[in-house]
PDB file of N, CA and C in Angstrom:
ATOM      1  N   MET A   1       0.234 -15.859   5.810  1.00  0.00           N
ATOM      2  CA  MET A   1       0.456 -15.193   4.877  1.00  0.00           C
ATOM      3  C   MET A   1      -0.508 -13.558   4.449  1.00  0.00           C
ATOM      4  N   PRO A   2      -1.516 -13.767   5.113  1.00  0.00           N
ATOM      5  CA  PRO A   2      -2.719 -12.601   5.561  1.00  0.00           C
ATOM      6  C   PRO A   2      -1.500 -11.936   5.554  1.00  0.00           C
ATOM      7  N   ARG A   3      -0.670 -11.904   7.885  1.00  0.00           N
ATOM      8  CA  ARG A   3       0.521 -10.273   8.210  1.00  0.00           C
ATOM      9  C   ARG A   3       0.340 -10.323   6.383  1.00  0.00           C
ATOM     10  N   GLU A   4       1.367 -10.986   6.120  1.00  0.00           N
ATOM     11  CA  GLU A   4       2.149 -10.173   4.612  1.00  0.00           C
ATOM     12  C   GLU A   4       1.217  -9.505   3.912  1.00  0.00           C
ATOM     13  N   ASN A   5       0.345  -9.799   3.862  1.00  0.00           N
ATOM     14  CA  ASN A   5      -0.133  -8.916   2.783  1.00  0.00           C
ATOM     15  C   ASN A   5      -0.388  -7.645   4.142  1.00  0.00           C
ATOM     16  N   LYS A   6      -0.948  -7.975   5.341  1.00  0.00           N
ATOM     17  CA  LYS A   6      -1.410  -6.744   5.752  1.00  0.00           C
ATOM     18  C   LYS A   6      -0.456  -5.784   6.509  1.00  0.00           C
ATOM     19  N   ALA A   7       0.760  -6.395   6.383  1.00  0.00           N
ATOM     20  CA  ALA A   7       1.952  -5.116   6.697  1.00  0.00           C
ATOM     21  C   ALA A   7       2.333  -5.026   5.377  1.00  0.00           C
ATOM     22  N   VAL A   8       2.063  -5.407   4.579  1.00  0.00           N
ATOM     23  CA  VAL A   8       3.146  -4.438   3.269  1.00  0.00           C
ATOM     24  C   VAL A   8       2.284  -2.922   2.844  1.00  0.00           C
ATOM     25  N   CYS A   9       0.709  -3.654   2.612  1.00  0.00           N
ATOM     26  CA  CYS A   9      -0.358  -2.799   2.497  1.00  0.00           C
ATOM     27  C   CYS A   9      -0.070  -1.008   3.965  1.00  0.00           C
ATOM     28  N   LEU A  10      -0.009  -1.824   4.600  1.00  0.00           N
ATOM     29  CA  LEU A  10       0.904  -0.379   6.026  1.00  0.00           C
ATOM     30  C   LEU A  10       1.633   0.066   5.687  1.00  0.00           C
ATOM     31  N   ALA A  11       3.029  -0.296   4.686  1.00  0.00           N
ATOM     32  CA  ALA A  11       3.730  -0.605   4.061  1.00  0.00           C
ATOM     33  C   ALA A  11       4.099   0.601   2.518  1.00  0.00           C
ATOM     34  N   MET A  12       3.198   0.417   1.975  1.00  0.00           N
ATOM     35  CA  MET A  12       2.549   1.886   0.779  1.00  0.00           C
ATOM     36  C   MET A  12       1.597   2.733   1.563  1.00  0.00           C
ATOM     37  N   GLY A  13       1.068   2.362   2.414  1.00  0.00           N
ATOM     38  CA  GLY A  13       0.592   3.804   2.854  1.00  0.00           C
ATOM     39  C   GLY A  13       1.067   4.522   3.279  1.00  0.00           C
ATOM     40  N   VAL A  14       1.954   4.108   4.450  1.00  0.00           N
ATOM     41  CA  VAL A  14       3.201   4.816   4.890  1.00  0.00           C
ATOM     42  C   VAL A  14       3.998   5.550   4.250  1.00  0.00           C
ATOM     43  N   ALA A  15       4.404   5.081   2.975  1.00  0.00           N
ATOM     44  CA  ALA A  15       5.076   5.296   1.835  1.00  0.00           C
ATOM     45  C   ALA A  15       4.923   6.301   1.314  1.00  0.00           C
ATOM     46  N   VAL A  16       4.216   6.211   1.252  1.00  0.00           N
ATOM     47  CA  VAL A  16       3.628   7.373   0.710  1.00  0.00           C
ATOM     48  C   VAL A  16       3.056   7.976   1.150  1.00  0.00           C
ATOM     49  N   VAL A  17       2.321   7.952   2.339  1.00  0.00           N
ATOM     50  CA  VAL A  17       2.359   9.926   3.130  1.00  0.00           C
ATOM     51  C   VAL A  17       3.997  10.172   3.066  1.00  0.00           C
ATOM     52  N   VAL A  18       4.868   9.446   4.133  1.00  0.00           N
ATOM     53  CA  VAL A  18       6.908   9.890   4.442  1.00  0.00           C
ATOM     54  C   VAL A  18       7.037  10.588   2.783  1.00  0.00           C
ATOM     55  N   LEU A  19       6.817   9.965   1.804  1.00  0.00           N
ATOM     56  CA  LEU A  19       7.347  10.382   0.467  1.00  0.00           C
ATOM     57  C   LEU A  19       6.591  12.160  -0.608  1.00  0.00           C
ATOM     58  N   SER A  20       5.037  11.649   0.695  1.00  0.00           N
ATOM     59  CA  SER A  20       4.393  12.731  -0.048  1.00  0.00           C
ATOM     60  C   SER A  20       4.866  14.217   0.101  1.00  0.00           C
ATOM     61  N   THR A  21       5.276  14.050   1.714  1.00  0.00           N
ATOM     62  CA  THR A  21       5.176  15.049   2.356  1.00  0.00           C
ATOM     63  C   THR A  21       7.123  15.725   2.637  1.00  0.00           C
ATOM     64  N   MET A  22       7.942  15.020   1.751  1.00  0.00           N
ATOM     65  CA  MET A  22       9.291  15.398   1.627  1.00  0.00           C
ATOM     66  C   MET A  22       9.021  15.888  -0.009  1.00  0.00           C
ATOM     67  N   LYS A  23       7.465  15.623  -0.955  1.00  0.00           N
ATOM     68  CA  LYS A  23       7.788  16.641  -2.396  1.00  0.00           C
ATOM     69  C   LYS A  23       9.129  15.576  -2.943  1.00  0.00           C
ATOM     70  N   GLN A  24       8.832  13.865  -2.276  1.00  0.00           N
ATOM     71  CA  GLN A  24       9.937  13.470  -3.267  1.00  0.00           C
ATOM     72  C   GLN A  24       9.093  12.246  -4.035  1.00  0.00           C
ATOM     73  N   ILE A  25       7.905  12.166  -4.859  1.00  0.00           N
ATOM     74  CA  ILE A  25       7.050  11.222  -5.435  1.00  0.00           C
ATOM     75  C   ILE A  25       6.465  11.943  -6.257  1.00  0.00           C
ATOM     76  N   ASP A  26       5.759  12.131  -7.742  1.00  0.00           N
ATOM     77  CA  ASP A  26       4.186  11.903  -8.148  1.00  0.00           C
ATOM     78  C   ASP A  26       3.316  11.188  -8.035  1.00  0.00           C
ATOM     79  N   ALA A  27       2.417  12.299  -8.152  1.00  0.00           N
ATOM     80  CA  ALA A  27       0.749  11.340  -8.773  1.00  0.00           C
ATOM     81  C   ALA A  27       1.260  10.578  -8.708  1.00  0.00           C
ATOM     82  N   ASP A  28       1.370   9.980  -9.907  1.00  0.00           N
ATOM     83  CA  ASP A  28       0.789   8.547 -10.345  1.00  0.00           C
ATOM     84  C   ASP A  28       2.176   7.453 -10.158  1.00  0.00           C
ATOM     85  N   THR A  29       2.437   7.965  -9.684  1.00  0.00           N
ATOM     86  CA  THR A  29       4.018   7.080  -8.403  1.00  0.00           C
ATOM     87  C   THR A  29       2.707   6.879  -7.168  1.00  0.00           C
ATOM     88  N   ALA A  30       2.520   8.208  -6.866  1.00  0.00           N
ATOM     89  CA  ALA A  30       1.681   7.274  -5.702  1.00  0.00           C
ATOM     90  C   ALA A  30       0.405   7.104  -5.548  1.00  0.00           C
ATOM     91  N   VAL A  31      -0.219   7.325  -6.719  1.00  0.00           N
ATOM     92  CA  VAL A  31      -1.299   6.013  -6.709  1.00  0.00           C
ATOM     93  C   VAL A  31      -0.784   4.269  -6.993  1.00  0.00           C
ATOM     94  N   THR A  32      -0.101   4.627  -8.087  1.00  0.00           N
ATOM     95  CA  THR A  32       0.330   3.044  -8.269  1.00  0.00           C
ATOM     96  C   THR A  32       0.301   2.254  -6.547  1.00  0.00           C
ATOM     97  N   ILE A  33       0.920   2.703  -6.204  1.00  0.00           N
ATOM     98  CA  ILE A  33       1.657   2.361  -4.566  1.00  0.00           C
ATOM     99  C   ILE A  33       0.868   2.066  -4.065  1.00  0.00           C
ATOM    100  N   LEU A  34      -0.607   2.922  -4.128  1.00  0.00           N
ATOM    101  CA  LEU A  34      -2.037   2.619  -3.064  1.00  0.00           C
ATOM    102  C   LEU A  34      -1.671   2.113  -3.352  1.00  0.00           C
ATOM    103  N   GLY A  35      -3.091   1.666  -5.294  1.00  0.00           N
ATOM    104  CA  GLY A  35      -2.437   0.318  -5.860  1.00  0.00           C
ATOM    105  C   GLY A  35      -2.982  -1.422  -5.201  1.00  0.00           C
ATOM    106  N   ILE A  36      -1.786  -0.923  -5.753  1.00  0.00           N
ATOM    107  CA  ILE A  36      -0.849  -2.044  -4.449  1.00  0.00           C
ATOM    108  C   ILE A  36      -0.847  -2.263  -3.799  1.00  0.00           C
ATOM    109  N   GLY A  37      -1.388  -1.179  -2.228  1.00  0.00           N
ATOM    110  CA  GLY A  37      -1.287  -1.805  -1.496  1.00  0.00           C
ATOM    111  C   GLY A  37      -3.126  -2.293  -1.334  1.00  0.00           C
ATOM    112  N   VAL A  38      -4.340  -1.714  -2.247  1.00  0.00           N
ATOM    113  CA  VAL A  38      -5.297  -1.872  -1.955  1.00  0.00           C
ATOM    114  C   VAL A  38      -4.891  -3.049  -2.209  1.00  0.00           C
ATOM    115  N   ALA A  39      -4.838  -3.670  -3.559  1.00  0.00           N
ATOM    116  CA  ALA A  39      -4.511  -5.782  -3.387  1.00  0.00           C
ATOM    117  C   ALA A  39      -4.397  -5.918  -2.600  1.00  0.00           C
ATOM    118  N   CYS A  40      -2.957  -5.742  -2.511  1.00  0.00           N
ATOM    119  CA  CYS A  40      -2.840  -6.298  -0.660  1.00  0.00           C
ATOM    120  C   CYS A  40      -3.584  -6.909   0.400  1.00  0.00           C
ATOM    121  N   ALA A  41      -4.689  -6.017   0.830  1.00  0.00           N
ATOM    122  CA  ALA A  41      -5.247  -5.420   1.894  1.00  0.00           C
ATOM    123  C   ALA A  41      -6.931  -6.363   1.026  1.00  0.00           C
ATOM    124  N   GLY A  42      -7.618  -6.635  -0.741  1.00  0.00           N
ATOM    125  CA  GLY A  42      -7.976  -7.776  -1.367  1.00  0.00           C
ATOM    126  C   GLY A  42      -7.926  -8.763  -0.654  1.00  0.00           C
ATOM    127  N   ILE A  43      -6.654  -9.676  -1.476  1.00  0.00           N
ATOM    128  CA  ILE A  43      -5.984 -10.868  -1.329  1.00  0.00           C
ATOM    129  C   ILE A  43      -5.789 -10.539   0.037  1.00  0.00           C
ATOM    130  N   SER A  44      -5.656 -10.615   0.860  1.00  0.00           N
ATOM    131  CA  SER A  44      -5.599 -10.454   2.367  1.00  0.00           C
ATOM    132  C   SER A  44      -7.817 -10.701   2.889  1.00  0.00           C
ATOM    133  N   LEU A  45      -8.209  -9.795   2.901  1.00  0.00           N
ATOM    134  CA  LEU A  45      -9.863  -9.732   2.849  1.00  0.00           C
ATOM    135  C   LEU A  45     -10.049 -11.265   1.967  1.00  0.00           C
ATOM    136  N   LEU A  46      -9.455 -11.526   1.180  1.00  0.00           N
ATOM    137  CA  LEU A  46     -10.476 -12.957  -0.100  1.00  0.00           C
ATOM    138  C   LEU A  46      -9.430 -14.276   1.246  1.00  0.00           C
ATOM    139  N   GLU A  47      -9.266 -14.014   1.402  1.00  0.00           N
ATOM    140  CA  GLU A  47      -8.504 -14.640   2.038  1.00  0.00           C
ATOM    141  C   GLU A  47      -8.527 -15.938   3.422  1.00  0.00           C
ATOM    142  N   GLN A  48      -8.651 -14.683   4.157  1.00  0.00           N
ATOM    143  CA  GLN A  48      -9.507 -14.574   4.961  1.00  0.00           C
ATOM    144  C   GLN A  48     -10.898 -15.725   5.647  1.00  0.00           C
ATOM    145  N   LYS A  49     -11.125 -15.765   4.588  1.00  0.00           N
ATOM    146  CA  LYS A  49     -13.232 -16.926   4.185  1.00  0.00           C
ATOM    147  C   LYS A  49     -12.126 -18.031   4.036  1.00  0.00           C
TER     148      LYS A  49
END
């Protein structure tokens, strides 16, 4: 399970960068997507213990 969480975290970050560069995402949506990525990173870190 931790590998999937890390992959989602990375994918969310890349998606925000790409969409922001293309001017296809607003700030509210970008923050929401990054929040999902951070949550997945946190879950992954919790599962390591």
